[in-house]
Amino acid sequence: MWARITTYRDKNYIFPIYFLPFKQVDKKKQAQGSQTALAVNEPNDPLSIPPEVLEKLTTGKVIEPIQIRSGIELKEDRILADRTGYISKQKDGRYTFSFDALGRNIDKTFITLLPCKALEIAIAEQKDEPETIRFKAAGIVTEYQGNFYLLLQRTSRVYSNGNLPK
């Protein structure tokens, strides 16, 4: 399994990215399929393998990149790169990232944020300011049960130079 590991408020979180399932191997078919066996631990071998290591090498578990069930559609994650928006807390305690329309009449869509160190840093920066801060965010967007979630990788504050109205 490949995963991203992060912390949020002194708790560790593991977000799986990719995995390979195990498949049991039929030893009869394996013996029939391999005609030539490698010679291990021969009498004149300069390097001998301990029996417990040799046992682990021949346990019969094989990793194969197969789908668990036929018909499973694997969806790719998306990258959100340097989009400006606002981080806000919802009534249920979750944080969301809503895109900044920059004065255009665009629907206010938002993505639920997953707990991570980048979110914790952004919340701490927002807490010290009286007004809502615009952030430039980058991260991985994934879909789970019809909802979109964002795992932040980086956030940076976007400053206004006073030339655009708020």
N, C-alpha and C. Protein backbone atom coordinates (compact mmCIF):
# COMPACT_ATOMS: atom_id res chain seq x y z
N MET A 1 0.85 -1.16 0.00
CA MET A 1 0.00 0.00 0.00
C MET A 1 0.90 1.23 0.00
N TRP A 2 0.52 2.21 -0.81
CA TRP A 2 1.17 3.51 -0.81
C TRP A 2 0.19 4.49 -0.18
N ALA A 3 0.69 5.38 0.67
CA ALA A 3 -0.20 6.30 1.37
C ALA A 3 0.54 7.59 1.72
N ARG A 4 -0.23 8.63 1.96
CA ARG A 4 0.30 9.89 2.49
C ARG A 4 0.02 9.89 3.99
N ILE A 5 1.03 10.26 4.75
CA ILE A 5 0.91 10.31 6.19
C ILE A 5 1.05 11.76 6.61
N THR A 6 0.13 12.24 7.42
CA THR A 6 0.17 13.62 7.86
C THR A 6 -0.36 13.71 9.29
N THR A 7 -0.16 14.85 9.90
CA THR A 7 -0.66 15.07 11.25
C THR A 7 -1.60 16.26 11.24
N TYR A 8 -2.55 16.24 12.16
CA TYR A 8 -3.49 17.34 12.32
C TYR A 8 -3.92 17.35 13.77
N ARG A 9 -3.62 18.44 14.46
CA ARG A 9 -3.94 18.59 15.88
C ARG A 9 -3.45 17.40 16.71
N ASP A 10 -2.19 17.08 16.53
CA ASP A 10 -1.49 16.02 17.27
C ASP A 10 -2.06 14.63 17.05
N LYS A 11 -2.73 14.42 15.94
CA LYS A 11 -3.20 13.08 15.56
C LYS A 11 -2.60 12.74 14.20
N ASN A 12 -2.28 11.47 14.00
CA ASN A 12 -1.72 11.01 12.74
C ASN A 12 -2.83 10.51 11.83
N TYR A 13 -2.71 10.82 10.54
CA TYR A 13 -3.68 10.38 9.55
C TYR A 13 -2.95 9.71 8.40
N ILE A 14 -3.53 8.63 7.91
CA ILE A 14 -2.99 7.91 6.76
C ILE A 14 -4.05 7.95 5.67
N PHE A 15 -3.70 8.50 4.51
CA PHE A 15 -4.60 8.56 3.37
C PHE A 15 -4.06 7.64 2.28
N PRO A 16 -4.68 6.47 2.08
CA PRO A 16 -4.20 5.54 1.06
C PRO A 16 -4.28 6.13 -0.34
N ILE A 17 -3.24 5.89 -1.12
CA ILE A 17 -3.19 6.39 -2.49
C ILE A 17 -3.36 5.24 -3.48
N TYR A 18 -2.66 4.14 -3.22
CA TYR A 18 -2.66 3.02 -4.17
C TYR A 18 -2.36 1.75 -3.40
N PHE A 19 -2.87 0.62 -3.90
CA PHE A 19 -2.59 -0.65 -3.24
C PHE A 19 -2.53 -1.76 -4.28
N LEU A 20 -1.87 -2.83 -3.92
CA LEU A 20 -1.84 -4.05 -4.72
C LEU A 20 -2.38 -5.18 -3.86
N PRO A 21 -3.42 -5.87 -4.32
CA PRO A 21 -3.98 -6.96 -3.50
C PRO A 21 -3.11 -8.21 -3.55
N PHE A 22 -3.19 -9.01 -2.49
CA PHE A 22 -2.51 -10.30 -2.43
C PHE A 22 -3.36 -11.36 -3.10
N LYS A 23 -2.69 -12.35 -3.66
CA LYS A 23 -3.38 -13.46 -4.30
C LYS A 23 -2.70 -14.75 -3.84
N GLN A 24 -3.48 -15.70 -3.34
CA GLN A 24 -2.94 -16.99 -2.95
C GLN A 24 -2.57 -17.78 -4.21
N VAL A 25 -1.45 -18.47 -4.15
CA VAL A 25 -0.96 -19.24 -5.29
C VAL A 25 -1.14 -20.72 -5.00
N ASP A 26 -1.67 -21.43 -5.98
CA ASP A 26 -1.81 -22.87 -5.87
C ASP A 26 -0.43 -23.49 -6.07
N LYS A 27 0.10 -24.17 -5.05
CA LYS A 27 1.45 -24.70 -5.11
C LYS A 27 1.59 -25.80 -6.17
N LYS A 28 0.51 -26.54 -6.46
CA LYS A 28 0.57 -27.57 -7.49
C LYS A 28 0.78 -26.94 -8.86
N LYS A 29 0.03 -25.89 -9.14
CA LYS A 29 0.18 -25.20 -10.42
C LYS A 29 1.54 -24.52 -10.52
N GLN A 30 2.02 -24.01 -9.40
CA GLN A 30 3.31 -23.35 -9.39
C GLN A 30 4.42 -24.36 -9.67
N ALA A 31 4.32 -25.57 -9.11
CA ALA A 31 5.33 -26.60 -9.33
C ALA A 31 5.30 -27.09 -10.77
N GLN A 32 4.11 -27.20 -11.35
CA GLN A 32 4.00 -27.63 -12.74
C GLN A 32 4.51 -26.55 -13.70
N GLY A 33 4.28 -25.30 -13.35
CA GLY A 33 4.66 -24.21 -14.23
C GLY A 33 6.15 -23.96 -14.27
N SER A 34 6.86 -24.23 -13.20
CA SER A 34 8.31 -23.97 -13.19
C SER A 34 9.04 -25.30 -13.35
N GLN A 35 9.65 -25.47 -14.49
CA GLN A 35 10.37 -26.71 -14.78
C GLN A 35 11.77 -26.70 -14.16
N THR A 36 12.40 -25.53 -14.20
CA THR A 36 13.75 -25.46 -13.65
C THR A 36 13.70 -24.74 -12.32
N ALA A 37 14.12 -25.42 -11.28
CA ALA A 37 14.16 -24.83 -9.95
C ALA A 37 15.57 -24.30 -9.69
N LEU A 38 15.65 -23.18 -9.02
CA LEU A 38 16.94 -22.61 -8.71
C LEU A 38 17.59 -23.42 -7.60
N ALA A 39 18.87 -23.61 -7.72
CA ALA A 39 19.62 -24.34 -6.70
C ALA A 39 19.98 -23.38 -5.58
N VAL A 40 19.43 -23.63 -4.41
CA VAL A 40 19.69 -22.79 -3.26
C VAL A 40 20.29 -23.66 -2.17
N ASN A 41 21.29 -23.11 -1.49
CA ASN A 41 22.00 -23.79 -0.41
C ASN A 41 22.63 -25.11 -0.88
N GLU A 42 23.32 -25.03 -2.00
CA GLU A 42 24.11 -26.18 -2.49
C GLU A 42 25.30 -26.40 -1.55
N PRO A 43 25.89 -27.59 -1.55
CA PRO A 43 27.01 -27.86 -0.63
C PRO A 43 28.20 -26.92 -0.83
N ASN A 44 28.52 -26.53 -2.06
CA ASN A 44 29.68 -25.66 -2.32
C ASN A 44 29.27 -24.20 -2.54
N ASP A 45 28.08 -23.83 -2.07
CA ASP A 45 27.59 -22.45 -2.23
C ASP A 45 28.40 -21.51 -1.35
N PRO A 46 28.93 -20.41 -1.90
CA PRO A 46 29.67 -19.47 -1.05
C PRO A 46 28.75 -18.67 -0.11
N LEU A 47 27.47 -18.56 -0.48
CA LEU A 47 26.51 -17.81 0.33
C LEU A 47 25.29 -18.68 0.58
N SER A 48 25.04 -19.00 1.82
CA SER A 48 23.87 -19.82 2.14
C SER A 48 22.78 -18.95 2.75
N ILE A 49 21.55 -19.30 2.45
CA ILE A 49 20.40 -18.56 2.96
C ILE A 49 19.86 -19.30 4.17
N PRO A 50 19.64 -18.58 5.28
CA PRO A 50 19.10 -19.24 6.48
C PRO A 50 17.72 -19.84 6.19
N PRO A 51 17.36 -20.93 6.86
CA PRO A 51 16.09 -21.61 6.58
C PRO A 51 14.85 -20.73 6.83
N GLU A 52 14.88 -19.85 7.84
CA GLU A 52 13.71 -19.00 8.10
C GLU A 52 13.51 -17.97 7.00
N VAL A 53 14.60 -17.49 6.39
CA VAL A 53 14.48 -16.55 5.26
C VAL A 53 13.99 -17.29 4.03
N LEU A 54 14.50 -18.50 3.82
CA LEU A 54 14.07 -19.31 2.69
C LEU A 54 12.59 -19.66 2.78
N GLU A 55 12.09 -19.88 3.99
CA GLU A 55 10.67 -20.18 4.20
C GLU A 55 9.81 -18.97 3.84
N LYS A 56 10.28 -17.77 4.20
CA LYS A 56 9.52 -16.55 3.88
C LYS A 56 9.48 -16.30 2.38
N LEU A 57 10.52 -16.71 1.68
CA LEU A 57 10.56 -16.51 0.23
C LEU A 57 9.61 -17.46 -0.50
N THR A 58 9.25 -18.56 0.11
CA THR A 58 8.40 -19.55 -0.55
C THR A 58 7.06 -19.71 0.17
N THR A 59 6.50 -18.63 0.69
CA THR A 59 5.24 -18.72 1.43
C THR A 59 4.04 -18.93 0.53
N GLY A 60 4.13 -18.56 -0.73
CA GLY A 60 3.00 -18.77 -1.63
C GLY A 60 2.15 -17.54 -1.85
N LYS A 61 2.49 -16.40 -1.25
CA LYS A 61 1.75 -15.17 -1.49
C LYS A 61 2.43 -14.40 -2.61
N VAL A 62 1.63 -13.94 -3.53
CA VAL A 62 2.13 -13.21 -4.68
C VAL A 62 1.37 -11.89 -4.77
N ILE A 63 2.08 -10.84 -5.09
CA ILE A 63 1.43 -9.56 -5.31
C ILE A 63 1.22 -9.40 -6.81
N GLU A 64 -0.03 -9.22 -7.20
CA GLU A 64 -0.35 -9.02 -8.60
C GLU A 64 -1.22 -7.78 -8.74
N PRO A 65 -0.94 -6.97 -9.73
CA PRO A 65 -1.78 -5.79 -9.94
C PRO A 65 -3.09 -6.16 -10.64
N ILE A 66 -4.00 -6.73 -9.88
CA ILE A 66 -5.29 -7.15 -10.43
C ILE A 66 -6.41 -6.37 -9.75
N GLN A 67 -7.54 -6.32 -10.40
CA GLN A 67 -8.70 -5.72 -9.77
C GLN A 67 -9.34 -6.76 -8.86
N ILE A 68 -9.88 -6.29 -7.76
CA ILE A 68 -10.47 -7.20 -6.79
C ILE A 68 -11.70 -7.88 -7.38
N ARG A 69 -12.59 -7.10 -7.95
CA ARG A 69 -13.77 -7.65 -8.61
C ARG A 69 -13.83 -7.05 -10.00
N SER A 70 -14.38 -7.81 -10.91
CA SER A 70 -14.55 -7.24 -12.24
C SER A 70 -15.66 -6.20 -12.18
N GLY A 71 -15.49 -5.15 -12.92
CA GLY A 71 -16.49 -4.10 -12.94
C GLY A 71 -16.18 -2.93 -12.03
N ILE A 72 -15.11 -3.04 -11.25
CA ILE A 72 -14.73 -1.90 -10.41
C ILE A 72 -14.07 -0.87 -11.31
N GLU A 73 -14.56 0.34 -11.23
CA GLU A 73 -13.98 1.41 -12.03
C GLU A 73 -13.09 2.24 -11.14
N LEU A 74 -11.80 2.24 -11.46
CA LEU A 74 -10.86 3.02 -10.68
C LEU A 74 -10.85 4.44 -11.22
N LYS A 75 -11.09 5.41 -10.35
CA LYS A 75 -11.11 6.80 -10.74
C LYS A 75 -9.80 7.45 -10.32
N GLU A 76 -9.30 8.27 -11.19
CA GLU A 76 -8.05 8.96 -10.91
C GLU A 76 -8.32 10.20 -10.05
N ASP A 77 -7.36 10.51 -9.22
CA ASP A 77 -7.42 11.75 -8.45
C ASP A 77 -7.07 12.91 -9.36
N ARG A 78 -7.41 14.10 -8.92
CA ARG A 78 -7.13 15.31 -9.69
C ARG A 78 -6.19 16.19 -8.87
N ILE A 79 -5.52 17.06 -9.58
CA ILE A 79 -4.62 18.01 -8.93
C ILE A 79 -5.26 19.39 -8.95
N LEU A 80 -5.25 20.05 -7.83
CA LEU A 80 -5.68 21.44 -7.72
C LEU A 80 -4.40 22.25 -7.54
N ALA A 81 -4.08 23.08 -8.52
CA ALA A 81 -2.81 23.80 -8.49
C ALA A 81 -3.04 25.30 -8.45
N ASP A 82 -2.60 25.91 -7.37
CA ASP A 82 -2.59 27.37 -7.22
C ASP A 82 -3.92 28.03 -7.54
N ARG A 83 -4.97 27.57 -6.92
CA ARG A 83 -6.29 28.20 -7.04
C ARG A 83 -6.54 29.05 -5.81
N THR A 84 -7.08 30.23 -6.03
CA THR A 84 -7.35 31.12 -4.90
C THR A 84 -8.75 30.87 -4.37
N GLY A 85 -8.88 31.03 -3.07
CA GLY A 85 -10.17 30.82 -2.44
C GLY A 85 -10.08 31.06 -0.95
N TYR A 86 -11.14 30.66 -0.27
CA TYR A 86 -11.27 30.90 1.16
C TYR A 86 -11.45 29.58 1.91
N ILE A 87 -10.85 29.50 3.08
CA ILE A 87 -11.04 28.35 3.96
C ILE A 87 -12.03 28.77 5.03
N SER A 88 -13.11 28.02 5.16
CA SER A 88 -14.12 28.38 6.15
C SER A 88 -14.57 27.14 6.91
N LYS A 89 -15.03 27.39 8.14
CA LYS A 89 -15.51 26.29 8.98
C LYS A 89 -17.02 26.19 8.85
N GLN A 90 -17.50 24.97 8.64
CA GLN A 90 -18.93 24.72 8.52
C GLN A 90 -19.55 24.50 9.89
N LYS A 91 -20.87 24.44 9.93
CA LYS A 91 -21.57 24.26 11.21
C LYS A 91 -21.25 22.92 11.86
N ASP A 92 -20.95 21.90 11.03
CA ASP A 92 -20.66 20.58 11.59
C ASP A 92 -19.20 20.41 12.01
N GLY A 93 -18.40 21.47 11.89
CA GLY A 93 -17.01 21.42 12.34
C GLY A 93 -16.01 21.13 11.24
N ARG A 94 -16.47 20.74 10.07
CA ARG A 94 -15.56 20.46 8.96
C ARG A 94 -15.13 21.77 8.30
N TYR A 95 -13.97 21.74 7.68
CA TYR A 95 -13.48 22.90 6.94
C TYR A 95 -13.66 22.66 5.45
N THR A 96 -13.95 23.75 4.73
CA THR A 96 -14.13 23.67 3.28
C THR A 96 -13.28 24.73 2.61
N PHE A 97 -12.96 24.48 1.36
CA PHE A 97 -12.25 25.44 0.52
C PHE A 97 -13.22 25.87 -0.57
N SER A 98 -13.57 27.17 -0.59
CA SER A 98 -14.46 27.68 -1.63
C SER A 98 -13.64 28.56 -2.56
N PHE A 99 -13.88 28.42 -3.85
CA PHE A 99 -13.11 29.14 -4.85
C PHE A 99 -13.50 30.61 -4.89
N ASP A 100 -12.51 31.46 -5.11
CA ASP A 100 -12.74 32.89 -5.23
C ASP A 100 -13.08 33.19 -6.68
N ALA A 101 -14.22 33.82 -6.91
CA ALA A 101 -14.67 34.12 -8.27
C ALA A 101 -14.06 35.40 -8.81
N LEU A 102 -13.33 36.14 -7.98
CA LEU A 102 -12.67 37.38 -8.38
C LEU A 102 -13.65 38.37 -9.01
N GLY A 103 -14.83 38.50 -8.42
CA GLY A 103 -15.81 39.46 -8.88
C GLY A 103 -16.73 38.97 -9.98
N ARG A 104 -16.47 37.79 -10.51
CA ARG A 104 -17.32 37.25 -11.56
C ARG A 104 -18.52 36.55 -10.95
N ASN A 105 -19.58 36.47 -11.70
CA ASN A 105 -20.82 35.85 -11.23
C ASN A 105 -20.73 34.34 -11.46
N ILE A 106 -19.97 33.66 -10.60
CA ILE A 106 -19.74 32.22 -10.71
C ILE A 106 -20.30 31.55 -9.47
N ASP A 107 -20.87 30.37 -9.67
CA ASP A 107 -21.44 29.62 -8.56
C ASP A 107 -20.38 29.35 -7.49
N LYS A 108 -20.75 29.50 -6.24
CA LYS A 108 -19.84 29.27 -5.12
C LYS A 108 -19.75 27.77 -4.84
N THR A 109 -18.81 27.11 -5.46
CA THR A 109 -18.59 25.70 -5.18
C THR A 109 -17.51 25.58 -4.11
N PHE A 110 -17.59 24.50 -3.35
CA PHE A 110 -16.60 24.28 -2.31
C PHE A 110 -16.25 22.81 -2.25
N ILE A 111 -15.09 22.56 -1.68
CA ILE A 111 -14.58 21.19 -1.53
C ILE A 111 -14.26 20.99 -0.05
N THR A 112 -14.67 19.86 0.50
CA THR A 112 -14.39 19.54 1.90
C THR A 112 -12.90 19.25 2.05
N LEU A 113 -12.29 19.82 3.06
CA LEU A 113 -10.86 19.64 3.31
C LEU A 113 -10.61 18.47 4.25
N LEU A 114 -9.62 17.66 3.92
CA LEU A 114 -9.21 16.56 4.79
C LEU A 114 -8.22 17.09 5.81
N PRO A 115 -8.20 16.53 7.01
CA PRO A 115 -7.29 17.03 8.04
C PRO A 115 -5.83 16.76 7.65
N CYS A 116 -5.01 17.81 7.71
CA CYS A 116 -3.59 17.68 7.38
C CYS A 116 -2.83 18.85 7.98
N LYS A 117 -1.52 18.78 7.90
CA LYS A 117 -0.66 19.82 8.48
C LYS A 117 -0.85 21.15 7.77
N ALA A 118 -1.00 21.15 6.44
CA ALA A 118 -1.19 22.40 5.69
C ALA A 118 -2.48 23.10 6.11
N LEU A 119 -3.53 22.34 6.39
CA LEU A 119 -4.79 22.92 6.87
C LEU A 119 -4.60 23.52 8.25
N GLU A 120 -3.89 22.83 9.11
CA GLU A 120 -3.65 23.33 10.46
C GLU A 120 -2.89 24.65 10.44
N ILE A 121 -1.91 24.78 9.55
CA ILE A 121 -1.14 26.01 9.43
C ILE A 121 -2.03 27.14 8.91
N ALA A 122 -2.86 26.85 7.91
CA ALA A 122 -3.76 27.86 7.35
C ALA A 122 -4.78 28.33 8.38
N ILE A 123 -5.31 27.42 9.17
CA ILE A 123 -6.28 27.79 10.21
C ILE A 123 -5.63 28.68 11.26
N ALA A 124 -4.40 28.37 11.64
CA ALA A 124 -3.68 29.18 12.62
C ALA A 124 -3.43 30.59 12.08
N GLU A 125 -3.12 30.70 10.80
CA GLU A 125 -2.91 32.01 10.19
C GLU A 125 -4.22 32.78 10.11
N GLN A 126 -5.31 32.11 9.80
CA GLN A 126 -6.63 32.75 9.70
C GLN A 126 -7.11 33.23 11.06
N LYS A 127 -6.78 32.49 12.10
CA LYS A 127 -7.25 32.80 13.45
C LYS A 127 -6.74 34.16 13.94
N ASP A 128 -5.56 34.54 13.50
CA ASP A 128 -4.95 35.78 13.96
C ASP A 128 -5.46 37.02 13.22
N GLU A 129 -6.24 36.85 12.17
CA GLU A 129 -6.70 37.98 11.37
C GLU A 129 -8.18 38.26 11.61
N PRO A 130 -8.57 39.54 11.62
CA PRO A 130 -9.99 39.87 11.84
C PRO A 130 -10.86 39.60 10.61
N GLU A 131 -10.29 39.67 9.41
CA GLU A 131 -11.04 39.44 8.17
C GLU A 131 -10.66 38.09 7.58
N THR A 132 -11.52 37.62 6.69
CA THR A 132 -11.25 36.35 6.01
C THR A 132 -10.06 36.51 5.07
N ILE A 133 -9.17 35.56 5.11
CA ILE A 133 -7.96 35.59 4.29
C ILE A 133 -8.18 34.80 3.01
N ARG A 134 -7.68 35.34 1.90
CA ARG A 134 -7.66 34.57 0.66
C ARG A 134 -6.38 33.75 0.62
N PHE A 135 -6.52 32.48 0.25
CA PHE A 135 -5.38 31.59 0.16
C PHE A 135 -5.22 31.11 -1.27
N LYS A 136 -3.98 30.84 -1.64
CA LYS A 136 -3.68 30.12 -2.86
C LYS A 136 -3.38 28.70 -2.42
N ALA A 137 -4.14 27.75 -2.92
CA ALA A 137 -4.03 26.38 -2.43
C ALA A 137 -3.62 25.43 -3.55
N ALA A 138 -2.89 24.39 -3.16
CA ALA A 138 -2.53 23.31 -4.07
C ALA A 138 -2.71 22.01 -3.31
N GLY A 139 -3.22 20.99 -4.00
CA GLY A 139 -3.43 19.71 -3.34
C GLY A 139 -4.03 18.67 -4.26
N ILE A 140 -4.43 17.58 -3.67
CA ILE A 140 -4.99 16.44 -4.40
C ILE A 140 -6.48 16.38 -4.12
N VAL A 141 -7.28 16.35 -5.18
CA VAL A 141 -8.74 16.24 -5.05
C VAL A 141 -9.14 14.81 -5.37
N THR A 142 -9.90 14.21 -4.49
CA THR A 142 -10.38 12.85 -4.71
C THR A 142 -11.88 12.81 -4.49
N GLU A 143 -12.50 11.82 -5.09
CA GLU A 143 -13.95 11.66 -4.96
C GLU A 143 -14.24 10.40 -4.17
N TYR A 144 -15.14 10.52 -3.20
CA TYR A 144 -15.53 9.37 -2.38
C TYR A 144 -17.03 9.46 -2.14
N GLN A 145 -17.74 8.46 -2.56
CA GLN A 145 -19.20 8.36 -2.42
C GLN A 145 -19.91 9.62 -2.93
N GLY A 146 -19.45 10.10 -4.07
CA GLY A 146 -20.10 11.23 -4.73
C GLY A 146 -19.70 12.59 -4.21
N ASN A 147 -18.86 12.66 -3.19
CA ASN A 147 -18.40 13.93 -2.64
C ASN A 147 -16.93 14.13 -2.96
N PHE A 148 -16.53 15.38 -3.13
CA PHE A 148 -15.14 15.70 -3.42
C PHE A 148 -14.44 16.15 -2.14
N TYR A 149 -13.18 15.69 -2.00
CA TYR A 149 -12.36 16.02 -0.84
C TYR A 149 -11.00 16.50 -1.32
N LEU A 150 -10.44 17.46 -0.59
CA LEU A 150 -9.16 18.05 -0.95
C LEU A 150 -8.15 17.80 0.16
N LEU A 151 -7.04 17.17 -0.20
CA LEU A 151 -5.92 17.00 0.72
C LEU A 151 -4.89 18.06 0.36
N LEU A 152 -4.82 19.10 1.19
CA LEU A 152 -3.93 20.22 0.90
C LEU A 152 -2.47 19.79 0.97
N GLN A 153 -1.69 20.26 0.03
CA GLN A 153 -0.25 20.06 0.05
C GLN A 153 0.46 21.35 0.43
N ARG A 154 -0.15 22.48 -0.01
CA ARG A 154 0.49 23.77 0.23
C ARG A 154 -0.57 24.85 0.22
N THR A 155 -0.45 25.80 1.12
CA THR A 155 -1.28 27.00 1.10
C THR A 155 -0.38 28.21 1.29
N SER A 156 -0.73 29.28 0.63
CA SER A 156 -0.02 30.54 0.85
C SER A 156 -1.03 31.67 0.79
N ARG A 157 -0.79 32.67 1.58
CA ARG A 157 -1.70 33.79 1.67
C ARG A 157 -1.58 34.65 0.42
N VAL A 158 -2.72 35.11 -0.09
CA VAL A 158 -2.75 36.00 -1.25
C VAL A 158 -3.02 37.40 -0.72
N TYR A 159 -2.11 38.31 -1.02
CA TYR A 159 -2.24 39.69 -0.54
C TYR A 159 -2.85 40.55 -1.65
N SER A 160 -3.69 41.49 -1.24
CA SER A 160 -4.25 42.46 -2.15
C SER A 160 -3.40 43.73 -2.04
N ASN A 161 -3.08 44.30 -3.17
CA ASN A 161 -2.30 45.54 -3.17
C ASN A 161 -3.19 46.78 -3.12
N GLY A 162 -4.48 46.57 -2.90
CA GLY A 162 -5.39 47.68 -2.80
C GLY A 162 -5.91 48.18 -4.14
N ASN A 163 -5.52 47.54 -5.22
CA ASN A 163 -5.97 47.99 -6.53
C ASN A 163 -7.27 47.30 -6.98
N LEU A 164 -7.70 46.30 -6.25
CA LEU A 164 -8.97 45.63 -6.56
C LEU A 164 -9.87 45.73 -5.33
N PRO A 165 -11.14 46.06 -5.53
CA PRO A 165 -12.04 46.10 -4.37
C PRO A 165 -12.28 44.71 -3.81
N LYS A 166 -12.65 44.65 -2.54
CA LYS A 166 -12.88 43.36 -1.89
C LYS A 166 -14.22 42.82 -2.23
